Structure formats: structure tokens, C-alpha cells
Amino acid sequence: MFTGIVQAVGVITKVSPIEMGEESGLRLSIEAGSLDMSDVKTGDSIAVQGACMTVTTMTQGGFTVDVSRESLNRTVGLSAVGQVNLEKSLCLGDPLGGHLVSGHVDGLGKVIEFHQVGESWKLVIDVPSNLGTYLAYKGSVAVNGVSLTVNDVVDLDGSTRFHINLIPHTVAMTTLQHLKPGDPVNIEVDTIARYVHRMIKATRITGR
């Protein structure tokens, strides 16, 4: 589990296929940047751009992960060299600064707007309606692994549009600063909202 509070911005420095063939996954070499790696070992989990990944080897100043083709098909930002948000997994007793994030990306959203408004930044994203079901005013959502608060939700024909207000610190300390209209982003809905939705649906079916 994670909190959606990005601990460092790292860099994917090398991308190589694990095996031959179009269905092969990828091996990523990642420089950890300012992430404290002193307590990280092979087998630990690190969220990379919002996707939970297992450390396969430790390197000088970083680590490697293997990304399956299934994960690559469901995420963005894990198939090419570039910056990525990094967060180590929670330990019991760690402060929960954001919200409970599993690192299991639910789907992709598309950036509609991203621009500065006063001292803050306005981010507007469209997601498929099946994900929009889990979004609520003042609820939580993870975008590229960053825990954010939803400021507005509008249901459209076939999609849902939500608005977020970003403080300058969040923009400066994450890869969100590079977003532009049209960019795809990794979306993970709130875990609690997911379970509430399931319980309501089950109650309607069973009548109990």
C-alpha cells in the first residue's frame, strides 16, 4: 500500500525487452533521485508513476523493475526513458499523508486542461464513465501516483470530467508539472469508494 505522497522524482534511464516478441514485458532501469534507498532491498514494492512495481535488482543509485505486457497495456509512462514519480510502500506506523493507494492502476484518463490560476494550477481530466462512478466532490483520486482531492465532477455522455486544484509544491515536486492537454494519465480510484460501490451493487441484486 501507498499514500500517494510522492517521495522523489526518478528517471527511467534504460528500457529493454525481457524476452523477444511483441508480447514481451520490459525491464526498466531507474535512477532513484532523492529517494532514500537505504532500507530498500530486492523484492520490495515501489510505486512508479502510480503503478506498484517489484524491485528486481539494486543498482548504483537506483533499481530495476520488470513490467509485464499486461501492465504496459493498462498504464502510461512505463515504456520509455523519462521522469517518473516514486513512492516506497507503507510500513505499519507510517503517517498516512494522502489516502490509501494500492498502486493498481484502474484505467487511463486524458488531460483536458492544465494551466495556472493565481498561485495554483487547475487540472481537468476526462475518464471513462465506469471510473467516474467512483469520483465524488472532495473525494480522493490518484493521478500518476499523486494523491489529489477532487474539486468538481461532471458526468458527460460516455465519460466523466473532474477538476483538481494543485498547489505549487505538488506541481514542483512531481511529474505533473510536465502535463499538457491531450496527455494520458494513470488513474487509481479511491479504495473505499470501490468497496462501497460493490456493497451497494450487491445489496441491489440480493435485496439484502
Protein backbone atom coordinates (compact mmCIF):
# COMPACT_ATOMS: atom_id res chain seq x y z
CA MET A 1 0.00 0.00 0.00
CA PHE A 2 0.99 3.61 -0.61
CA THR A 3 -0.27 7.08 0.31
CA GLY A 4 0.00 8.97 -2.97
CA ILE A 5 2.55 11.34 -1.43
CA VAL A 6 5.40 11.27 -3.94
CA GLN A 7 8.77 10.91 -2.22
CA ALA A 8 11.01 11.64 -5.18
CA VAL A 9 11.08 12.08 -8.92
CA GLY A 10 13.26 9.42 -10.51
CA VAL A 11 14.30 8.78 -14.09
CA ILE A 12 13.85 5.72 -16.27
CA THR A 13 17.28 5.59 -17.88
CA LYS A 14 17.03 2.34 -19.83
CA VAL A 15 14.20 0.27 -21.30
CA SER A 16 14.81 -3.21 -22.68
CA PRO A 17 12.57 -6.17 -23.58
CA ILE A 18 12.61 -9.04 -21.10
CA GLU A 19 12.24 -11.55 -23.93
CA MET A 20 11.89 -11.47 -27.70
CA GLY A 21 8.49 -10.83 -29.27
CA GLU A 22 5.75 -8.20 -29.27
CA GLU A 23 4.13 -9.61 -26.14
CA SER A 24 7.30 -9.33 -24.08
CA GLY A 25 7.35 -7.18 -21.00
CA LEU A 26 10.01 -4.56 -20.33
CA ARG A 27 12.87 -4.24 -17.89
CA LEU A 28 13.31 -0.70 -16.60
CA SER A 29 16.46 0.73 -15.08
CA ILE A 30 15.50 3.60 -12.79
CA GLU A 31 17.65 6.22 -11.11
CA ALA A 32 16.05 6.89 -7.73
CA GLY A 33 16.97 10.57 -7.49
CA SER A 34 16.49 11.80 -3.91
CA LEU A 35 14.56 8.68 -2.82
CA ASP A 36 16.11 7.17 0.33
CA MET A 37 17.17 3.70 -0.77
CA SER A 38 18.94 2.72 2.45
CA ASP A 39 16.09 0.43 3.53
CA VAL A 40 15.14 -0.89 0.09
CA LYS A 41 16.01 -4.43 -0.96
CA THR A 42 15.22 -6.81 -3.79
CA GLY A 43 11.56 -7.85 -3.64
CA ASP A 44 10.32 -4.60 -2.12
CA SER A 45 7.49 -2.65 -3.70
CA ILE A 46 7.88 0.85 -5.12
CA ALA A 47 5.15 2.81 -6.89
CA VAL A 48 6.47 4.03 -10.24
CA GLN A 49 4.22 6.65 -11.83
CA GLY A 50 1.39 5.24 -9.71
CA ALA A 51 1.92 1.56 -10.60
CA CYS A 52 3.15 -0.85 -7.94
CA MET A 53 6.38 -2.48 -9.09
CA THR A 54 8.68 -5.06 -7.51
CA VAL A 55 12.37 -4.26 -7.21
CA THR A 56 14.25 -6.98 -9.12
CA THR A 57 17.82 -5.75 -8.62
CA MET A 58 19.56 -2.96 -6.79
CA THR A 59 21.87 -0.72 -8.81
CA GLN A 60 24.22 2.16 -8.06
CA GLY A 61 21.81 4.95 -7.19
CA GLY A 62 18.70 3.09 -8.26
CA PHE A 63 16.98 -0.18 -9.07
CA THR A 64 15.40 -2.23 -11.84
CA VAL A 65 11.83 -3.49 -12.26
CA ASP A 66 10.18 -5.86 -14.71
CA VAL A 67 6.90 -4.65 -16.19
CA SER A 68 4.55 -7.21 -17.72
CA ARG A 69 2.85 -6.61 -21.07
CA GLU A 70 -0.50 -6.55 -19.25
CA SER A 71 0.70 -3.68 -17.04
CA LEU A 72 2.12 -1.85 -20.04
CA ASN A 73 -1.22 -2.14 -21.85
CA ARG A 74 -3.05 -0.57 -18.90
CA THR A 75 -0.67 2.24 -17.96
CA VAL A 76 1.33 5.11 -19.40
CA GLY A 77 4.82 6.38 -18.59
CA LEU A 78 6.45 2.97 -18.14
CA SER A 79 7.62 2.21 -21.67
CA ALA A 80 10.12 4.96 -22.42
CA VAL A 81 13.01 6.89 -20.90
CA GLY A 82 11.81 9.81 -18.78
CA GLN A 83 10.90 11.10 -15.33
CA VAL A 84 8.62 9.12 -13.01
CA ASN A 85 7.02 9.67 -9.62
CA LEU A 86 8.41 7.34 -6.94
CA GLU A 87 7.00 6.25 -3.59
CA LYS A 88 8.11 3.41 -1.32
CA SER A 89 5.43 1.18 0.18
CA LEU A 90 3.95 1.92 3.58
CA CYS A 91 5.18 0.36 6.80
CA LEU A 92 2.95 -0.08 9.85
CA GLY A 93 3.10 3.14 11.85
CA ASP A 94 3.96 5.38 8.88
CA PRO A 95 1.89 8.59 8.63
CA LEU A 96 -0.89 8.47 6.03
CA GLY A 97 -0.42 11.86 4.44
CA GLY A 98 -2.58 11.30 1.36
CA HIS A 99 -5.05 8.41 1.08
CA LEU A 100 -4.81 4.63 0.79
CA VAL A 101 -3.39 3.84 -2.64
CA SER A 102 -2.83 0.27 -3.82
CA GLY A 103 -0.68 1.01 -6.86
CA HIS A 104 -3.12 -0.90 -9.09
CA VAL A 105 -4.00 1.45 -11.93
CA ASP A 106 -7.71 1.27 -12.79
CA GLY A 107 -7.50 2.94 -16.18
CA LEU A 108 -6.36 5.93 -18.16
CA GLY A 109 -7.64 9.48 -18.11
CA LYS A 110 -6.98 12.29 -20.56
CA VAL A 111 -5.85 15.77 -19.59
CA ILE A 112 -8.31 18.40 -20.85
CA GLU A 113 -6.86 21.48 -19.16
CA PHE A 114 -3.72 22.25 -17.18
CA HIS A 115 -2.88 25.87 -16.51
CA GLN A 116 -2.03 28.27 -13.73
CA VAL A 117 -4.81 30.14 -11.95
CA GLY A 118 -3.41 32.67 -9.49
CA GLU A 119 -0.87 30.91 -7.30
CA SER A 120 -2.36 27.46 -8.00
CA TRP A 121 -2.83 25.19 -11.02
CA LYS A 122 -6.08 23.90 -12.48
CA LEU A 123 -6.09 20.33 -13.77
CA VAL A 124 -9.11 18.93 -15.62
CA ILE A 125 -9.22 15.26 -16.62
CA ASP A 126 -11.70 13.09 -18.51
CA VAL A 127 -12.11 9.42 -17.54
CA PRO A 128 -14.42 6.68 -18.83
CA SER A 129 -17.82 6.63 -17.12
CA ASN A 130 -17.07 3.33 -15.39
CA LEU A 131 -14.29 5.10 -13.45
CA GLY A 132 -16.31 8.28 -12.99
CA THR A 133 -18.73 6.29 -10.83
CA TYR A 134 -16.11 6.28 -8.08
CA LEU A 135 -15.37 10.02 -8.14
CA ALA A 136 -17.02 12.44 -5.75
CA TYR A 137 -16.68 16.08 -4.74
CA LYS A 138 -13.92 16.35 -2.10
CA GLY A 139 -13.12 12.68 -2.63
CA SER A 140 -9.67 11.30 -3.37
CA VAL A 141 -8.09 10.08 -6.59
CA ALA A 142 -4.53 9.15 -7.59
CA VAL A 143 -3.20 10.65 -10.83
CA ASN A 144 0.17 9.23 -11.91
CA GLY A 145 0.57 8.11 -8.32
CA VAL A 146 -0.18 11.51 -6.76
CA SER A 147 -2.95 11.71 -4.15
CA LEU A 148 -5.29 14.54 -5.13
CA THR A 149 -8.62 15.97 -3.97
CA VAL A 150 -11.49 16.22 -6.45
CA ASN A 151 -12.97 19.73 -6.62
CA ASP A 152 -15.75 19.10 -9.12
CA VAL A 153 -17.29 16.17 -11.01
CA VAL A 154 -19.35 16.44 -14.20
CA ASP A 155 -20.92 13.41 -15.89
CA LEU A 156 -20.83 13.66 -19.68
CA ASP A 157 -22.03 11.39 -22.48
CA GLY A 158 -19.76 8.36 -22.11
CA SER A 159 -17.23 9.97 -19.81
CA THR A 160 -16.79 11.85 -16.55
CA ARG A 161 -14.82 15.07 -16.19
CA PHE A 162 -13.26 16.05 -12.88
CA HIS A 163 -11.40 19.15 -11.73
CA ILE A 164 -8.44 19.38 -9.37
CA ASN A 165 -6.68 22.35 -7.79
CA LEU A 166 -2.92 21.85 -7.41
CA ILE A 167 -0.76 23.83 -5.04
CA PRO A 168 2.65 24.95 -6.40
CA HIS A 169 4.51 22.48 -4.14
CA THR A 170 2.71 19.47 -5.66
CA VAL A 171 3.44 20.69 -9.19
CA ALA A 172 7.10 21.36 -8.43
CA MET A 173 7.73 18.05 -6.66
CA THR A 174 6.06 15.65 -9.13
CA THR A 175 5.98 14.84 -12.82
CA LEU A 176 2.56 16.52 -13.03
CA GLN A 177 4.42 19.71 -13.93
CA HIS A 178 5.01 18.30 -17.43
CA LEU A 179 1.35 17.60 -18.25
CA LYS A 180 -0.33 19.18 -21.24
CA PRO A 181 -3.80 18.86 -22.80
CA GLY A 182 -4.26 15.53 -24.54
CA ASP A 183 -1.79 13.63 -22.34
CA PRO A 184 -2.94 10.27 -20.94
CA VAL A 185 -2.54 9.75 -17.19
CA ASN A 186 -2.72 6.78 -14.84
CA ILE A 187 -5.86 6.82 -12.69
CA GLU A 188 -6.49 4.88 -9.49
CA VAL A 189 -9.84 5.45 -7.80
CA ASP A 190 -10.29 5.54 -4.04
CA THR A 191 -10.23 2.06 -2.47
CA ILE A 192 -13.04 2.90 -0.04
CA ALA A 193 -15.24 4.16 -2.90
CA ARG A 194 -14.62 0.89 -4.74
CA TYR A 195 -15.85 -1.23 -1.82
CA VAL A 196 -18.85 1.00 -1.13
CA HIS A 197 -19.86 0.73 -4.79
CA ARG A 198 -19.55 -3.06 -4.67
CA MET A 199 -21.61 -3.36 -1.49
CA ILE A 200 -24.39 -1.15 -2.86
CA LYS A 201 -24.46 -3.14 -6.10
CA ALA A 202 -24.58 -6.46 -4.23
CA THR A 203 -27.41 -5.20 -2.00
CA ARG A 204 -29.48 -4.20 -5.00
CA ILE A 205 -29.02 -7.64 -6.57
CA THR A 206 -29.74 -9.69 -3.46
CA GLY A 207 -32.22 -7.31 -1.88
CA ARG A 208 -30.39 -7.58 1.44
